[in-house]
Amino acid sequence: MGNYPKLLNLDTETEQSLLSYLNDE
């Protein structure tokens, strides 16, 4: 649960990257 870039303004690409990061944990 760390540094999420533009957490309050996610676009699709960022959202997918974030989901991939969480799933990789």
PDB file of N, CA and C in Angstrom:
ATOM      1  N   MET A   1       0.859  -1.197   0.000  1.00  0.00           N
ATOM      2  CA  MET A   1       0.000   0.000   0.000  1.00  0.00           C
ATOM      3  C   MET A   1       0.888   1.238   0.000  1.00  0.00           C
ATOM      4  N   GLY A   2       1.427   1.581  -1.140  1.00  0.00           N
ATOM      5  CA  GLY A   2       2.457   2.616  -1.191  1.00  0.00           C
ATOM      6  C   GLY A   2       2.109   3.791  -2.085  1.00  0.00           C
ATOM      7  N   ASN A   3       3.019   4.117  -2.981  1.00  0.00           N
ATOM      8  CA  ASN A   3       2.918   5.345  -3.767  1.00  0.00           C
ATOM      9  C   ASN A   3       2.120   5.115  -5.048  1.00  0.00           C
ATOM     10  N   TYR A   4       0.894   5.623  -5.072  1.00  0.00           N
ATOM     11  CA  TYR A   4       0.058   5.487  -6.251  1.00  0.00           C
ATOM     12  C   TYR A   4      -0.024   6.820  -6.985  1.00  0.00           C
ATOM     13  N   PRO A   5       0.532   6.917  -8.189  1.00  0.00           N
ATOM     14  CA  PRO A   5       0.501   8.158  -8.954  1.00  0.00           C
ATOM     15  C   PRO A   5      -0.913   8.506  -9.408  1.00  0.00           C
ATOM     16  N   LYS A   6      -1.326   9.744  -9.180  1.00  0.00           N
ATOM     17  CA  LYS A   6      -2.630  10.253  -9.633  1.00  0.00           C
ATOM     18  C   LYS A   6      -3.781   9.355  -9.190  1.00  0.00           C
ATOM     19  N   LEU A   7      -3.761   8.954  -7.919  1.00  0.00           N
ATOM     20  CA  LEU A   7      -4.740   7.997  -7.416  1.00  0.00           C
ATOM     21  C   LEU A   7      -6.165   8.516  -7.560  1.00  0.00           C
ATOM     22  N   LEU A   8      -6.333   9.833  -7.453  1.00  0.00           N
ATOM     23  CA  LEU A   8      -7.665  10.418  -7.535  1.00  0.00           C
ATOM     24  C   LEU A   8      -8.058  10.754  -8.969  1.00  0.00           C
ATOM     25  N   ASN A   9      -7.177  10.453  -9.926  1.00  0.00           N
ATOM     26  CA  ASN A   9      -7.445  10.802 -11.321  1.00  0.00           C
ATOM     27  C   ASN A   9      -6.937   9.691 -12.228  1.00  0.00           C
ATOM     28  N   LEU A  10      -7.435   8.471 -11.987  1.00  0.00           N
ATOM     29  CA  LEU A  10      -6.975   7.325 -12.742  1.00  0.00           C
ATOM     30  C   LEU A  10      -7.592   7.296 -14.135  1.00  0.00           C
ATOM     31  N   ASP A  11      -6.719   7.151 -15.125  1.00  0.00           N
ATOM     32  CA  ASP A  11      -7.224   6.819 -16.449  1.00  0.00           C
ATOM     33  C   ASP A  11      -7.130   5.304 -16.627  1.00  0.00           C
ATOM     34  N   THR A  12      -7.583   4.795 -17.733  1.00  0.00           N
ATOM     35  CA  THR A  12      -7.663   3.348 -17.925  1.00  0.00           C
ATOM     36  C   THR A  12      -6.295   2.696 -17.829  1.00  0.00           C
ATOM     37  N   GLU A  13      -5.311   3.293 -18.474  1.00  0.00           N
ATOM     38  CA  GLU A  13      -3.975   2.701 -18.503  1.00  0.00           C
ATOM     39  C   GLU A  13      -3.361   2.657 -17.112  1.00  0.00           C
ATOM     40  N   THR A  14      -3.521   3.744 -16.363  1.00  0.00           N
ATOM     41  CA  THR A  14      -3.005   3.793 -14.997  1.00  0.00           C
ATOM     42  C   THR A  14      -3.741   2.799 -14.112  1.00  0.00           C
ATOM     43  N   GLU A  15      -5.046   2.703 -14.303  1.00  0.00           N
ATOM     44  CA  GLU A  15      -5.845   1.770 -13.510  1.00  0.00           C
ATOM     45  C   GLU A  15      -5.392   0.330 -13.743  1.00  0.00           C
ATOM     46  N   GLN A  16      -5.169  -0.029 -14.999  1.00  0.00           N
ATOM     47  CA  GLN A  16      -4.703  -1.375 -15.314  1.00  0.00           C
ATOM     48  C   GLN A  16      -3.331  -1.644 -14.715  1.00  0.00           C
ATOM     49  N   SER A  17      -2.457  -0.632 -14.750  1.00  0.00           N
ATOM     50  CA  SER A  17      -1.129  -0.777 -14.159  1.00  0.00           C
ATOM     51  C   SER A  17      -1.231  -0.986 -12.658  1.00  0.00           C
ATOM     52  N   LEU A  18      -2.139  -0.238 -12.018  1.00  0.00           N
ATOM     53  CA  LEU A  18      -2.331  -0.360 -10.578  1.00  0.00           C
ATOM     54  C   LEU A  18      -2.882  -1.733 -10.217  1.00  0.00           C
ATOM     55  N   LEU A  19      -3.860  -2.200 -10.974  1.00  0.00           N
ATOM     56  CA  LEU A  19      -4.421  -3.521 -10.725  1.00  0.00           C
ATOM     57  C   LEU A  19      -3.373  -4.610 -10.898  1.00  0.00           C
ATOM     58  N   SER A  20      -2.537  -4.461 -11.918  1.00  0.00           N
ATOM     59  CA  SER A  20      -1.468  -5.427 -12.145  1.00  0.00           C
ATOM     60  C   SER A  20      -0.483  -5.422 -10.992  1.00  0.00           C
ATOM     61  N   TYR A  21      -0.187  -4.229 -10.464  1.00  0.00           N
ATOM     62  CA  TYR A  21       0.725  -4.097  -9.323  1.00  0.00           C
ATOM     63  C   TYR A  21       0.148  -4.781  -8.089  1.00  0.00           C
ATOM     64  N   LEU A  22      -1.132  -4.545  -7.831  1.00  0.00           N
ATOM     65  CA  LEU A  22      -1.770  -5.149  -6.663  1.00  0.00           C
ATOM     66  C   LEU A  22      -1.834  -6.665  -6.795  1.00  0.00           C
ATOM     67  N   ASN A  23      -2.141  -7.150  -7.990  1.00  0.00           N
ATOM     68  CA  ASN A  23      -2.238  -8.586  -8.216  1.00  0.00           C
ATOM     69  C   ASN A  23      -0.882  -9.272  -8.107  1.00  0.00           C
ATOM     70  N   ASP A  24       0.186  -8.515  -8.375  1.00  0.00           N
ATOM     71  CA  ASP A  24       1.534  -9.057  -8.327  1.00  0.00           C
ATOM     72  C   ASP A  24       2.052  -9.172  -6.899  1.00  0.00           C
ATOM     73  N   GLU A  25       1.428  -8.445  -5.973  1.00  0.00           N
ATOM     74  CA  GLU A  25       1.866  -8.461  -4.572  1.00  0.00           C
ATOM     75  C   GLU A  25       1.573  -9.807  -3.912  1.00  0.00           C
TER      76      GLU A  25
END
